[in-house]
């Protein structure tokens, strides 16, 4: 686990939780079962860069306190390995992967100098995979050769969504830079997802 709060720059907190596990079971002297699991949950505020006016005033504030990046990732597999003899071995591995990257990134904010409005973007890129890998290894005494044969099946889905957000831009007195952005509308309203 890792956590950051109250950093030198505002809106730059993050939380990260990672978990990894591995288990092995010897079924017989020639057959072994191995399972692995990896889980990662990461959330970070992404305040973006500090503009020159704030920097020279030593005010390390962010113009956007709503931007973020959220990652959820799970990987798991189970391998069944069988040694037929000293020259032949077979492995069958089913697996599952689930990955989601959702964000409201500061780099997607579009603002025209002097304007009191801007736009941003909320998006999510995800995939799920189910699959199986099978492999057989055969050794030959001839020229100390080894033959590997195998096959793989993979079924993956990759949904993606992206929505524009409308922003209010609070300008600095000079009207040439933005002190603060605030969300005025999400198109469509996906407030339950962000």
N, C-alpha and C. Protein backbone atom coordinates (compact mmCIF):
# COMPACT_ATOMS: atom_id res chain seq x y z
N UNK A 1 0.84 -1.19 0.00
CA UNK A 1 0.00 0.00 0.00
C UNK A 1 0.88 1.24 0.00
N UNK A 2 0.39 2.27 -0.67
CA UNK A 2 1.11 3.54 -0.70
C UNK A 2 0.06 4.65 -0.70
N UNK A 3 0.44 5.78 -0.10
CA UNK A 3 -0.50 6.88 0.01
C UNK A 3 0.27 8.20 0.05
N UNK A 4 -0.27 9.20 -0.63
CA UNK A 4 0.31 10.54 -0.58
C UNK A 4 -0.80 11.54 -0.31
N UNK A 5 -0.57 12.39 0.68
CA UNK A 5 -1.51 13.47 0.98
C UNK A 5 -0.71 14.74 1.30
N UNK A 6 -1.34 15.87 1.04
CA UNK A 6 -0.74 17.17 1.38
C UNK A 6 0.66 17.34 0.80
N UNK A 7 0.81 17.03 -0.46
CA UNK A 7 2.09 17.20 -1.13
C UNK A 7 2.36 18.68 -1.38
N UNK A 8 3.52 18.97 -1.96
CA UNK A 8 3.89 20.37 -2.21
C UNK A 8 2.92 21.02 -3.19
N UNK A 9 2.32 20.22 -4.09
CA UNK A 9 1.34 20.75 -5.03
C UNK A 9 -0.05 20.29 -4.63
N UNK A 10 -1.01 21.18 -4.70
CA UNK A 10 -2.38 20.80 -4.37
C UNK A 10 -2.93 19.86 -5.43
N UNK A 11 -3.96 19.11 -5.05
CA UNK A 11 -4.62 18.16 -5.94
C UNK A 11 -3.65 17.16 -6.56
N UNK A 12 -2.78 16.60 -5.72
CA UNK A 12 -1.82 15.59 -6.20
C UNK A 12 -1.77 14.38 -5.26
N UNK A 13 -2.85 14.17 -4.50
CA UNK A 13 -2.90 13.02 -3.60
C UNK A 13 -3.08 11.74 -4.41
N UNK A 14 -2.64 10.62 -3.84
CA UNK A 14 -2.91 9.33 -4.47
C UNK A 14 -2.97 8.23 -3.43
N UNK A 15 -3.66 7.15 -3.80
CA UNK A 15 -3.75 5.93 -3.00
C UNK A 15 -3.46 4.75 -3.91
N UNK A 16 -2.65 3.82 -3.43
CA UNK A 16 -2.35 2.63 -4.22
C UNK A 16 -2.34 1.40 -3.32
N UNK A 17 -3.06 0.37 -3.75
CA UNK A 17 -3.08 -0.91 -3.05
C UNK A 17 -2.74 -2.00 -4.05
N UNK A 18 -1.75 -2.80 -3.72
CA UNK A 18 -1.34 -3.91 -4.59
C UNK A 18 -1.27 -5.18 -3.77
N UNK A 19 -1.69 -6.28 -4.41
CA UNK A 19 -1.68 -7.58 -3.74
C UNK A 19 -1.24 -8.63 -4.74
N UNK A 20 -0.28 -9.46 -4.36
CA UNK A 20 0.19 -10.55 -5.21
C UNK A 20 0.23 -11.84 -4.40
N UNK A 21 -0.23 -12.93 -5.00
CA UNK A 21 -0.23 -14.21 -4.29
C UNK A 21 0.14 -15.33 -5.28
N UNK A 22 0.77 -16.35 -4.75
CA UNK A 22 1.13 -17.52 -5.55
C UNK A 22 0.99 -18.75 -4.68
N UNK A 23 0.40 -19.80 -5.23
CA UNK A 23 0.23 -21.05 -4.49
C UNK A 23 0.59 -22.21 -5.41
N UNK A 24 1.25 -23.20 -4.85
CA UNK A 24 1.62 -24.39 -5.60
C UNK A 24 1.13 -25.63 -4.85
N UNK A 25 0.66 -26.61 -5.61
CA UNK A 25 0.20 -27.87 -5.02
C UNK A 25 0.76 -29.03 -5.84
N UNK A 26 1.47 -29.90 -5.17
CA UNK A 26 2.05 -31.07 -5.82
C UNK A 26 1.03 -32.20 -5.76
N UNK A 27 0.39 -32.48 -6.89
CA UNK A 27 -0.64 -33.53 -6.94
C UNK A 27 0.02 -34.90 -6.87
N UNK A 28 1.02 -35.11 -7.71
CA UNK A 28 1.84 -36.33 -7.68
C UNK A 28 3.28 -35.91 -7.93
N UNK A 29 4.18 -36.88 -7.98
CA UNK A 29 5.57 -36.56 -8.27
C UNK A 29 5.74 -35.98 -9.67
N UNK A 30 4.77 -36.23 -10.55
CA UNK A 30 4.89 -35.78 -11.93
C UNK A 30 3.89 -34.69 -12.30
N UNK A 31 2.99 -34.36 -11.41
CA UNK A 31 1.94 -33.38 -11.73
C UNK A 31 1.89 -32.29 -10.67
N UNK A 32 1.88 -31.04 -11.13
CA UNK A 32 1.89 -29.90 -10.21
C UNK A 32 0.87 -28.86 -10.68
N UNK A 33 0.22 -28.23 -9.71
CA UNK A 33 -0.75 -27.17 -9.97
C UNK A 33 -0.22 -25.88 -9.36
N UNK A 34 -0.19 -24.80 -10.16
CA UNK A 34 0.31 -23.50 -9.69
C UNK A 34 -0.70 -22.42 -10.02
N UNK A 35 -1.03 -21.61 -9.04
CA UNK A 35 -1.97 -20.51 -9.25
C UNK A 35 -1.36 -19.19 -8.82
N UNK A 36 -1.63 -18.14 -9.57
CA UNK A 36 -1.14 -16.80 -9.21
C UNK A 36 -2.29 -15.80 -9.29
N UNK A 37 -2.21 -14.77 -8.47
CA UNK A 37 -3.20 -13.70 -8.47
C UNK A 37 -2.49 -12.38 -8.24
N UNK A 38 -2.85 -11.39 -9.05
CA UNK A 38 -2.30 -10.03 -8.90
C UNK A 38 -3.46 -9.05 -8.93
N UNK A 39 -3.51 -8.16 -7.94
CA UNK A 39 -4.59 -7.17 -7.86
C UNK A 39 -3.97 -5.80 -7.58
N UNK A 40 -4.37 -4.80 -8.36
CA UNK A 40 -3.87 -3.45 -8.18
C UNK A 40 -5.02 -2.44 -8.26
N UNK A 41 -5.07 -1.56 -7.28
CA UNK A 41 -6.09 -0.51 -7.23
C UNK A 41 -5.35 0.81 -7.00
N UNK A 42 -5.46 1.71 -7.98
CA UNK A 42 -4.71 2.96 -7.92
C UNK A 42 -5.63 4.14 -8.24
N UNK A 43 -5.59 5.14 -7.39
CA UNK A 43 -6.36 6.37 -7.63
C UNK A 43 -5.43 7.56 -7.38
N UNK A 44 -5.40 8.47 -8.35
CA UNK A 44 -4.53 9.63 -8.22
C UNK A 44 -5.25 10.88 -8.71
N UNK A 45 -5.11 11.95 -7.95
CA UNK A 45 -5.54 13.25 -8.44
C UNK A 45 -4.50 13.71 -9.45
N UNK A 46 -4.94 14.35 -10.52
CA UNK A 46 -4.00 14.80 -11.55
C UNK A 46 -4.20 16.29 -11.78
N UNK A 47 -3.66 17.07 -10.89
CA UNK A 47 -3.88 18.51 -10.93
C UNK A 47 -3.24 19.23 -12.09
N UNK A 48 -2.29 18.60 -12.75
CA UNK A 48 -1.64 19.25 -13.88
C UNK A 48 -0.51 20.16 -13.44
N UNK A 49 0.00 20.94 -14.38
CA UNK A 49 1.15 21.79 -14.10
C UNK A 49 0.75 23.07 -13.39
N UNK A 50 1.72 23.65 -12.72
CA UNK A 50 1.53 24.94 -12.05
C UNK A 50 1.91 26.03 -13.04
N UNK A 51 1.04 27.02 -13.23
CA UNK A 51 1.38 28.07 -14.20
C UNK A 51 2.41 29.03 -13.62
N UNK A 52 3.02 29.83 -14.47
CA UNK A 52 4.15 30.67 -14.07
C UNK A 52 3.76 31.71 -13.03
N UNK A 53 2.55 32.26 -13.12
CA UNK A 53 2.12 33.28 -12.15
C UNK A 53 2.07 32.70 -10.75
N UNK A 54 1.42 31.52 -10.60
CA UNK A 54 1.34 30.87 -9.29
C UNK A 54 2.72 30.43 -8.82
N UNK A 55 3.55 29.93 -9.73
CA UNK A 55 4.87 29.43 -9.36
C UNK A 55 5.73 30.54 -8.75
N UNK A 56 5.78 31.69 -9.40
CA UNK A 56 6.62 32.78 -8.89
C UNK A 56 6.08 33.38 -7.60
N UNK A 57 4.81 33.16 -7.32
CA UNK A 57 4.24 33.59 -6.04
C UNK A 57 4.40 32.50 -4.97
N UNK A 58 5.02 31.38 -5.38
CA UNK A 58 5.18 30.21 -4.52
C UNK A 58 3.83 29.67 -4.04
N UNK A 59 2.85 29.77 -4.93
CA UNK A 59 1.54 29.19 -4.69
C UNK A 59 1.40 27.99 -5.62
N UNK A 60 1.63 26.81 -5.10
CA UNK A 60 1.65 25.61 -5.94
C UNK A 60 0.26 25.00 -6.02
N UNK A 61 -0.67 25.84 -6.42
CA UNK A 61 -2.06 25.42 -6.52
C UNK A 61 -2.34 24.85 -7.89
N UNK A 62 -3.41 24.09 -7.96
CA UNK A 62 -3.83 23.51 -9.22
C UNK A 62 -5.07 24.25 -9.71
N UNK A 63 -5.16 24.43 -11.00
CA UNK A 63 -6.33 25.10 -11.56
C UNK A 63 -7.53 24.16 -11.66
N UNK A 64 -7.31 22.85 -11.45
CA UNK A 64 -8.39 21.87 -11.53
C UNK A 64 -8.28 20.88 -10.38
N UNK A 65 -9.27 20.87 -9.50
CA UNK A 65 -9.24 19.95 -8.36
C UNK A 65 -10.15 18.74 -8.57
N UNK A 66 -10.65 18.54 -9.79
CA UNK A 66 -11.57 17.45 -10.08
C UNK A 66 -10.95 16.39 -10.98
N UNK A 67 -9.76 16.62 -11.49
CA UNK A 67 -9.15 15.67 -12.42
C UNK A 67 -8.54 14.49 -11.66
N UNK A 68 -8.56 13.33 -12.30
CA UNK A 68 -8.12 12.10 -11.63
C UNK A 68 -7.72 11.04 -12.65
N UNK A 69 -7.11 10.00 -12.14
CA UNK A 69 -6.81 8.78 -12.90
C UNK A 69 -7.05 7.61 -11.97
N UNK A 70 -7.87 6.64 -12.40
CA UNK A 70 -8.20 5.49 -11.57
C UNK A 70 -7.93 4.21 -12.35
N UNK A 71 -7.13 3.33 -11.77
CA UNK A 71 -6.77 2.08 -12.43
C UNK A 71 -7.14 0.91 -11.52
N UNK A 72 -7.88 -0.04 -12.09
CA UNK A 72 -8.17 -1.31 -11.41
C UNK A 72 -7.67 -2.42 -12.32
N UNK A 73 -6.81 -3.28 -11.80
CA UNK A 73 -6.24 -4.34 -12.63
C UNK A 73 -6.17 -5.65 -11.84
N UNK A 74 -6.69 -6.71 -12.44
CA UNK A 74 -6.65 -8.04 -11.84
C UNK A 74 -6.10 -9.03 -12.87
N UNK A 75 -5.17 -9.87 -12.45
CA UNK A 75 -4.61 -10.91 -13.29
C UNK A 75 -4.61 -12.21 -12.47
N UNK A 76 -5.09 -13.29 -13.07
CA UNK A 76 -5.02 -14.57 -12.40
C UNK A 76 -4.84 -15.69 -13.42
N UNK A 77 -4.13 -16.72 -13.02
CA UNK A 77 -3.94 -17.88 -13.89
C UNK A 77 -3.72 -19.12 -13.03
N UNK A 78 -4.03 -20.27 -13.62
CA UNK A 78 -3.78 -21.56 -12.97
C UNK A 78 -3.09 -22.44 -14.00
N UNK A 79 -1.94 -22.98 -13.64
CA UNK A 79 -1.17 -23.83 -14.56
C UNK A 79 -1.14 -25.26 -14.05
N UNK A 80 -1.50 -26.18 -14.91
CA UNK A 80 -1.40 -27.60 -14.62
C UNK A 80 -0.23 -28.14 -15.43
N UNK A 81 0.82 -28.61 -14.75
CA UNK A 81 2.02 -29.11 -15.41
C UNK A 81 2.15 -30.61 -15.14
N UNK A 82 2.39 -31.35 -16.20
CA UNK A 82 2.57 -32.80 -16.05
C UNK A 82 3.81 -33.25 -16.82
N UNK A 83 4.66 -33.98 -16.14
CA UNK A 83 5.86 -34.53 -16.76
C UNK A 83 5.60 -36.00 -17.09
N UNK A 84 5.53 -36.31 -18.39
CA UNK A 84 5.25 -37.68 -18.81
C UNK A 84 6.45 -38.59 -18.56
N UNK A 85 7.63 -38.05 -18.82
CA UNK A 85 8.89 -38.76 -18.57
C UNK A 85 10.00 -37.72 -18.61
N UNK A 86 11.22 -38.15 -18.68
CA UNK A 86 12.35 -37.21 -18.69
C UNK A 86 12.44 -36.41 -19.98
N UNK A 87 11.65 -36.78 -20.98
CA UNK A 87 11.75 -36.14 -22.28
C UNK A 87 10.49 -35.38 -22.70
N UNK A 88 9.41 -35.52 -21.95
CA UNK A 88 8.14 -34.92 -22.39
C UNK A 88 7.40 -34.26 -21.22
N UNK A 89 6.91 -33.05 -21.49
CA UNK A 89 6.18 -32.30 -20.46
C UNK A 89 5.06 -31.49 -21.10
N UNK A 90 3.91 -31.45 -20.45
CA UNK A 90 2.75 -30.71 -20.96
C UNK A 90 2.27 -29.71 -19.90
N UNK A 91 1.92 -28.51 -20.36
CA UNK A 91 1.40 -27.47 -19.47
C UNK A 91 0.10 -26.90 -20.06
N UNK A 92 -0.93 -26.80 -19.23
CA UNK A 92 -2.20 -26.18 -19.63
C UNK A 92 -2.47 -25.05 -18.65
N UNK A 93 -2.71 -23.83 -19.19
CA UNK A 93 -2.87 -22.64 -18.34
C UNK A 93 -4.10 -21.83 -18.75
N UNK A 94 -5.20 -21.94 -18.01
CA UNK A 94 -6.30 -20.99 -18.20
C UNK A 94 -5.99 -19.69 -17.44
N UNK A 95 -6.47 -18.55 -17.97
CA UNK A 95 -6.17 -17.27 -17.33
C UNK A 95 -7.34 -16.30 -17.47
N UNK A 96 -7.30 -15.27 -16.63
CA UNK A 96 -8.32 -14.21 -16.65
C UNK A 96 -7.62 -12.89 -16.36
N UNK A 97 -7.99 -11.86 -17.14
CA UNK A 97 -7.44 -10.52 -16.93
C UNK A 97 -8.59 -9.51 -16.97
N UNK A 98 -8.56 -8.57 -16.06
CA UNK A 98 -9.58 -7.51 -16.03
C UNK A 98 -8.86 -6.21 -15.74
N UNK A 99 -8.98 -5.25 -16.65
CA UNK A 99 -8.24 -4.00 -16.49
C UNK A 99 -9.14 -2.82 -16.85
N UNK A 100 -9.14 -1.80 -16.00
CA UNK A 100 -9.94 -0.61 -16.27
C UNK A 100 -9.11 0.62 -15.95
N UNK A 101 -9.05 1.54 -16.89
CA UNK A 101 -8.37 2.82 -16.68
C UNK A 101 -9.38 3.92 -16.94
N UNK A 102 -9.82 4.57 -15.87
CA UNK A 102 -10.76 5.68 -15.98
C UNK A 102 -10.05 6.97 -15.61
N UNK A 103 -10.38 8.05 -16.32
CA UNK A 103 -9.70 9.30 -16.00
C UNK A 103 -10.50 10.52 -16.42
N UNK A 104 -10.21 11.58 -15.74
CA UNK A 104 -10.66 12.93 -16.11
C UNK A 104 -9.37 13.74 -16.12
N UNK A 105 -8.59 13.63 -17.19
CA UNK A 105 -7.22 14.16 -17.17
C UNK A 105 -7.13 15.67 -17.35
N UNK A 106 -6.18 16.27 -16.67
CA UNK A 106 -5.97 17.71 -16.80
C UNK A 106 -5.49 18.07 -18.20
N UNK A 107 -4.77 17.14 -18.86
CA UNK A 107 -4.25 17.46 -20.19
C UNK A 107 -5.35 17.54 -21.25
N UNK A 108 -6.56 17.07 -20.91
CA UNK A 108 -7.65 17.14 -21.90
C UNK A 108 -8.42 18.47 -21.82
N UNK A 109 -8.08 19.32 -20.87
CA UNK A 109 -8.77 20.61 -20.76
C UNK A 109 -8.35 21.51 -21.92
N UNK A 110 -9.34 22.03 -22.64
CA UNK A 110 -9.11 22.92 -23.78
C UNK A 110 -9.68 24.30 -23.44
N UNK A 111 -8.80 25.29 -23.48
CA UNK A 111 -9.19 26.66 -23.14
C UNK A 111 -8.58 27.62 -24.14
N UNK A 112 -9.37 28.57 -24.59
CA UNK A 112 -8.89 29.62 -25.48
C UNK A 112 -8.62 30.87 -24.65
N UNK A 113 -7.46 31.46 -24.83
CA UNK A 113 -7.05 32.61 -24.03
C UNK A 113 -8.15 33.68 -23.98
N UNK A 114 -8.47 34.10 -22.76
CA UNK A 114 -9.47 35.14 -22.55
C UNK A 114 -10.89 34.63 -22.37
N UNK A 115 -11.13 33.37 -22.71
CA UNK A 115 -12.48 32.81 -22.61
C UNK A 115 -12.81 32.45 -21.17
N UNK A 116 -14.09 32.57 -20.80
CA UNK A 116 -14.54 32.21 -19.46
C UNK A 116 -15.13 30.80 -19.40
N UNK A 117 -14.99 30.07 -20.51
CA UNK A 117 -15.43 28.68 -20.54
C UNK A 117 -14.33 27.82 -21.13
N UNK A 118 -14.43 26.52 -20.87
CA UNK A 118 -13.47 25.55 -21.41
C UNK A 118 -14.17 24.20 -21.49
N UNK A 119 -13.49 23.22 -22.04
CA UNK A 119 -14.03 21.86 -22.08
C UNK A 119 -12.98 20.88 -21.58
N UNK A 120 -13.46 19.74 -21.13
CA UNK A 120 -12.58 18.66 -20.69
C UNK A 120 -13.15 17.33 -21.15
N UNK A 121 -12.65 16.25 -20.60
CA UNK A 121 -13.09 14.92 -21.05
C UNK A 121 -12.99 13.90 -19.93
N UNK A 122 -14.03 13.09 -19.79
CA UNK A 122 -14.01 11.93 -18.91
C UNK A 122 -13.97 10.71 -19.80
N UNK A 123 -13.06 9.78 -19.55
CA UNK A 123 -13.02 8.58 -20.39
C UNK A 123 -12.65 7.35 -19.58
N UNK A 124 -12.96 6.22 -20.16
CA UNK A 124 -12.65 4.93 -19.53
C UNK A 124 -12.30 3.93 -20.62
N UNK A 125 -11.16 3.29 -20.47
CA UNK A 125 -10.70 2.28 -21.41
C UNK A 125 -10.51 0.99 -20.64
N UNK A 126 -11.31 -0.01 -20.94
CA UNK A 126 -11.30 -1.25 -20.17
C UNK A 126 -11.13 -2.46 -21.07
N UNK A 127 -10.67 -3.56 -20.50
CA UNK A 127 -10.70 -4.82 -21.23
C UNK A 127 -10.80 -5.98 -20.25
N UNK A 128 -11.44 -7.03 -20.73
CA UNK A 128 -11.50 -8.30 -20.01
C UNK A 128 -11.03 -9.38 -20.95
N UNK A 129 -10.23 -10.30 -20.45
CA UNK A 129 -9.71 -11.39 -21.27
C UNK A 129 -9.92 -12.71 -20.54
N UNK A 130 -10.40 -13.69 -21.30
CA UNK A 130 -10.48 -15.07 -20.84
C UNK A 130 -9.71 -15.90 -21.85
N UNK A 131 -8.89 -16.80 -21.38
CA UNK A 131 -8.13 -17.56 -22.36
C UNK A 131 -7.49 -18.81 -21.78
N UNK A 132 -6.86 -19.55 -22.67
CA UNK A 132 -6.16 -20.77 -22.26
C UNK A 132 -4.96 -20.97 -23.17
N UNK A 133 -3.86 -21.37 -22.57
CA UNK A 133 -2.62 -21.66 -23.29
C UNK A 133 -2.23 -23.10 -23.00
N UNK A 134 -1.97 -23.86 -24.04
CA UNK A 134 -1.54 -25.25 -23.89
C UNK A 134 -0.21 -25.42 -24.63
N UNK A 135 0.71 -26.12 -23.99
CA UNK A 135 2.04 -26.30 -24.59
C UNK A 135 2.60 -27.68 -24.25
N UNK A 136 3.22 -28.29 -25.22
CA UNK A 136 3.88 -29.58 -24.99
C UNK A 136 5.34 -29.47 -25.43
N UNK A 137 6.23 -29.98 -24.62
CA UNK A 137 7.67 -29.97 -24.89
C UNK A 137 8.16 -31.41 -25.02
N UNK A 138 8.88 -31.68 -26.11
CA UNK A 138 9.40 -33.03 -26.36
C UNK A 138 10.88 -32.93 -26.71
N UNK A 139 11.70 -33.64 -25.94
CA UNK A 139 13.13 -33.67 -26.20
C UNK A 139 13.50 -34.90 -27.03
N UNK A 140 14.51 -34.71 -27.89
CA UNK A 140 15.00 -35.80 -28.73
C UNK A 140 16.51 -35.93 -28.55
N UNK A 141 16.98 -37.17 -28.55
CA UNK A 141 18.42 -37.39 -28.40
C UNK A 141 19.16 -36.99 -29.67
N UNK A 142 18.44 -37.02 -30.80
CA UNK A 142 19.06 -36.66 -32.07
C UNK A 142 19.44 -35.18 -32.07
N UNK A 143 20.72 -34.87 -32.15
CA UNK A 143 21.26 -33.50 -32.16
C UNK A 143 20.84 -32.70 -30.92
N UNK A 144 20.49 -33.42 -29.87
CA UNK A 144 20.05 -32.75 -28.63
C UNK A 144 18.92 -31.76 -28.93
N UNK A 145 17.97 -32.18 -29.76
CA UNK A 145 16.88 -31.30 -30.23
C UNK A 145 15.70 -31.28 -29.25
N UNK A 146 14.90 -30.22 -29.39
CA UNK A 146 13.72 -30.07 -28.56
C UNK A 146 12.59 -29.48 -29.41
N UNK A 147 11.42 -30.08 -29.33
CA UNK A 147 10.26 -29.61 -30.09
C UNK A 147 9.22 -29.03 -29.14
N UNK A 148 8.77 -27.82 -29.45
CA UNK A 148 7.71 -27.18 -28.67
C UNK A 148 6.50 -26.99 -29.57
N UNK A 149 5.36 -27.47 -29.14
CA UNK A 149 4.11 -27.25 -29.87
C UNK A 149 3.08 -26.74 -28.87
N UNK A 150 2.15 -25.96 -29.38
CA UNK A 150 1.14 -25.42 -28.47
C UNK A 150 0.05 -24.68 -29.19
N UNK A 151 -0.90 -24.24 -28.43
CA UNK A 151 -2.02 -23.48 -28.98
C UNK A 151 -2.56 -22.53 -27.93
N UNK A 152 -3.27 -21.53 -28.40
CA UNK A 152 -3.79 -20.52 -27.48
C UNK A 152 -5.17 -20.08 -27.93
N UNK A 153 -6.04 -19.89 -26.96
CA UNK A 153 -7.36 -19.30 -27.22
C UNK A 153 -7.50 -18.08 -26.32
N UNK A 154 -7.95 -16.97 -26.91
CA UNK A 154 -8.12 -15.74 -26.13
C UNK A 154 -9.41 -15.04 -26.57
N UNK A 155 -10.24 -14.72 -25.60
CA UNK A 155 -11.44 -13.93 -25.88
C UNK A 155 -11.35 -12.65 -25.05
N UNK A 156 -11.27 -11.52 -25.72
CA UNK A 156 -11.09 -10.23 -25.04
C UNK A 156 -12.12 -9.23 -25.54
N UNK A 157 -12.65 -8.45 -24.61
CA UNK A 157 -13.53 -7.34 -24.95
C UNK A 157 -12.83 -6.05 -24.54
N UNK A 158 -13.09 -4.97 -25.28
CA UNK A 158 -12.39 -3.72 -25.02
C UNK A 158 -13.35 -2.52 -25.17
N UNK A 159 -14.27 -2.37 -24.20
CA UNK A 159 -15.17 -1.21 -24.29
C UNK A 159 -14.45 0.09 -23.95
N UNK A 160 -14.88 1.16 -24.59
CA UNK A 160 -14.29 2.47 -24.34
C UNK A 160 -15.41 3.51 -24.38
N UNK A 161 -15.38 4.43 -23.42
CA UNK A 161 -16.31 5.55 -23.52
C UNK A 161 -15.57 6.85 -23.23
N UNK A 162 -16.08 7.91 -23.81
CA UNK A 162 -15.49 9.23 -23.63
C UNK A 162 -16.61 10.26 -23.69
N UNK A 163 -16.67 11.14 -22.67
CA UNK A 163 -17.69 12.18 -22.62
C UNK A 163 -17.06 13.54 -22.38
N UNK A 164 -17.60 14.53 -23.06
CA UNK A 164 -17.11 15.89 -22.87
C UNK A 164 -17.69 16.47 -21.59
N UNK A 165 -16.91 17.31 -20.93
CA UNK A 165 -17.42 18.07 -19.79
C UNK A 165 -17.24 19.55 -20.10
N UNK A 166 -18.22 20.34 -19.68
CA UNK A 166 -18.16 21.79 -19.85
C UNK A 166 -17.64 22.41 -18.56
N UNK A 167 -16.77 23.38 -18.70
CA UNK A 167 -16.11 23.98 -17.54
C UNK A 167 -16.30 25.49 -17.52
N UNK A 168 -16.33 26.03 -16.31
CA UNK A 168 -16.26 27.47 -16.12
C UNK A 168 -14.80 27.80 -15.84
N UNK A 169 -14.28 28.84 -16.47
CA UNK A 169 -12.89 29.26 -16.27
C UNK A 169 -12.85 30.58 -15.51
N UNK A 170 -12.37 30.52 -14.28
CA UNK A 170 -12.21 31.73 -13.47
C UNK A 170 -10.86 32.35 -13.82
N UNK A 171 -10.90 33.49 -14.47
CA UNK A 171 -9.67 34.10 -14.98
C UNK A 171 -8.95 34.91 -13.90
N UNK A 172 -7.65 35.05 -14.09
CA UNK A 172 -6.87 35.95 -13.25
C UNK A 172 -7.15 37.38 -13.70
N UNK A 173 -6.79 38.38 -12.90
CA UNK A 173 -7.09 39.78 -13.26
C UNK A 173 -6.60 40.19 -14.64
N UNK A 174 -5.49 39.59 -15.11
CA UNK A 174 -4.99 39.98 -16.43
C UNK A 174 -5.81 39.38 -17.57
N UNK A 175 -6.66 38.41 -17.25
CA UNK A 175 -7.50 37.78 -18.26
C UNK A 175 -6.77 36.87 -19.21
N UNK A 176 -5.48 36.58 -18.94
CA UNK A 176 -4.67 35.78 -19.85
C UNK A 176 -4.37 34.38 -19.33
N UNK A 177 -4.80 34.10 -18.11
CA UNK A 177 -4.58 32.76 -17.57
C UNK A 177 -5.75 32.42 -16.64
N UNK A 178 -5.87 31.12 -16.36
CA UNK A 178 -7.00 30.62 -15.55
C UNK A 178 -6.51 30.31 -14.14
N UNK A 179 -7.23 30.84 -13.18
CA UNK A 179 -6.92 30.55 -11.78
C UNK A 179 -7.61 29.27 -11.33
N UNK A 180 -8.83 29.04 -11.81
CA UNK A 180 -9.59 27.87 -11.35
C UNK A 180 -10.62 27.45 -12.40
N UNK A 181 -10.68 26.13 -12.64
CA UNK A 181 -11.73 25.55 -13.48
C UNK A 181 -12.74 24.86 -12.57
N UNK A 182 -14.02 24.95 -12.93
CA UNK A 182 -15.06 24.21 -12.22
C UNK A 182 -15.98 23.57 -13.26
N UNK A 183 -16.48 22.39 -12.92
CA UNK A 183 -17.37 21.67 -13.84
C UNK A 183 -18.76 22.29 -13.81
N UNK A 184 -19.30 22.57 -14.98
CA UNK A 184 -20.67 23.08 -15.07
C UNK A 184 -21.62 22.03 -15.64
N UNK A 185 -21.09 21.12 -16.48
CA UNK A 185 -21.96 20.10 -17.07
C UNK A 185 -21.13 18.94 -17.60
N UNK A 186 -21.66 17.72 -17.38
CA UNK A 186 -21.07 16.52 -17.95
C UNK A 186 -22.02 16.04 -19.03
N UNK A 187 -21.52 15.78 -20.22
CA UNK A 187 -22.36 15.41 -21.36
C UNK A 187 -22.08 13.98 -21.83
N UNK A 188 -22.98 13.01 -21.61
CA UNK A 188 -24.18 13.12 -20.80
C UNK A 188 -23.84 13.05 -19.32
N UNK A 189 -24.84 13.13 -18.46
CA UNK A 189 -24.61 13.11 -17.03
C UNK A 189 -24.17 11.73 -16.59
N UNK A 190 -22.88 11.56 -16.26
CA UNK A 190 -22.37 10.27 -15.79
C UNK A 190 -21.78 10.45 -14.40
N UNK A 191 -22.38 11.31 -13.61
CA UNK A 191 -21.84 11.62 -12.29
C UNK A 191 -21.73 10.38 -11.42
N UNK A 192 -22.56 9.37 -11.70
CA UNK A 192 -22.48 8.13 -10.92
C UNK A 192 -21.26 7.31 -11.26
N UNK A 193 -20.60 7.59 -12.39
CA UNK A 193 -19.44 6.78 -12.81
C UNK A 193 -18.12 7.44 -12.45
N UNK A 194 -18.13 8.73 -12.12
CA UNK A 194 -16.86 9.41 -11.89
C UNK A 194 -16.65 9.70 -10.42
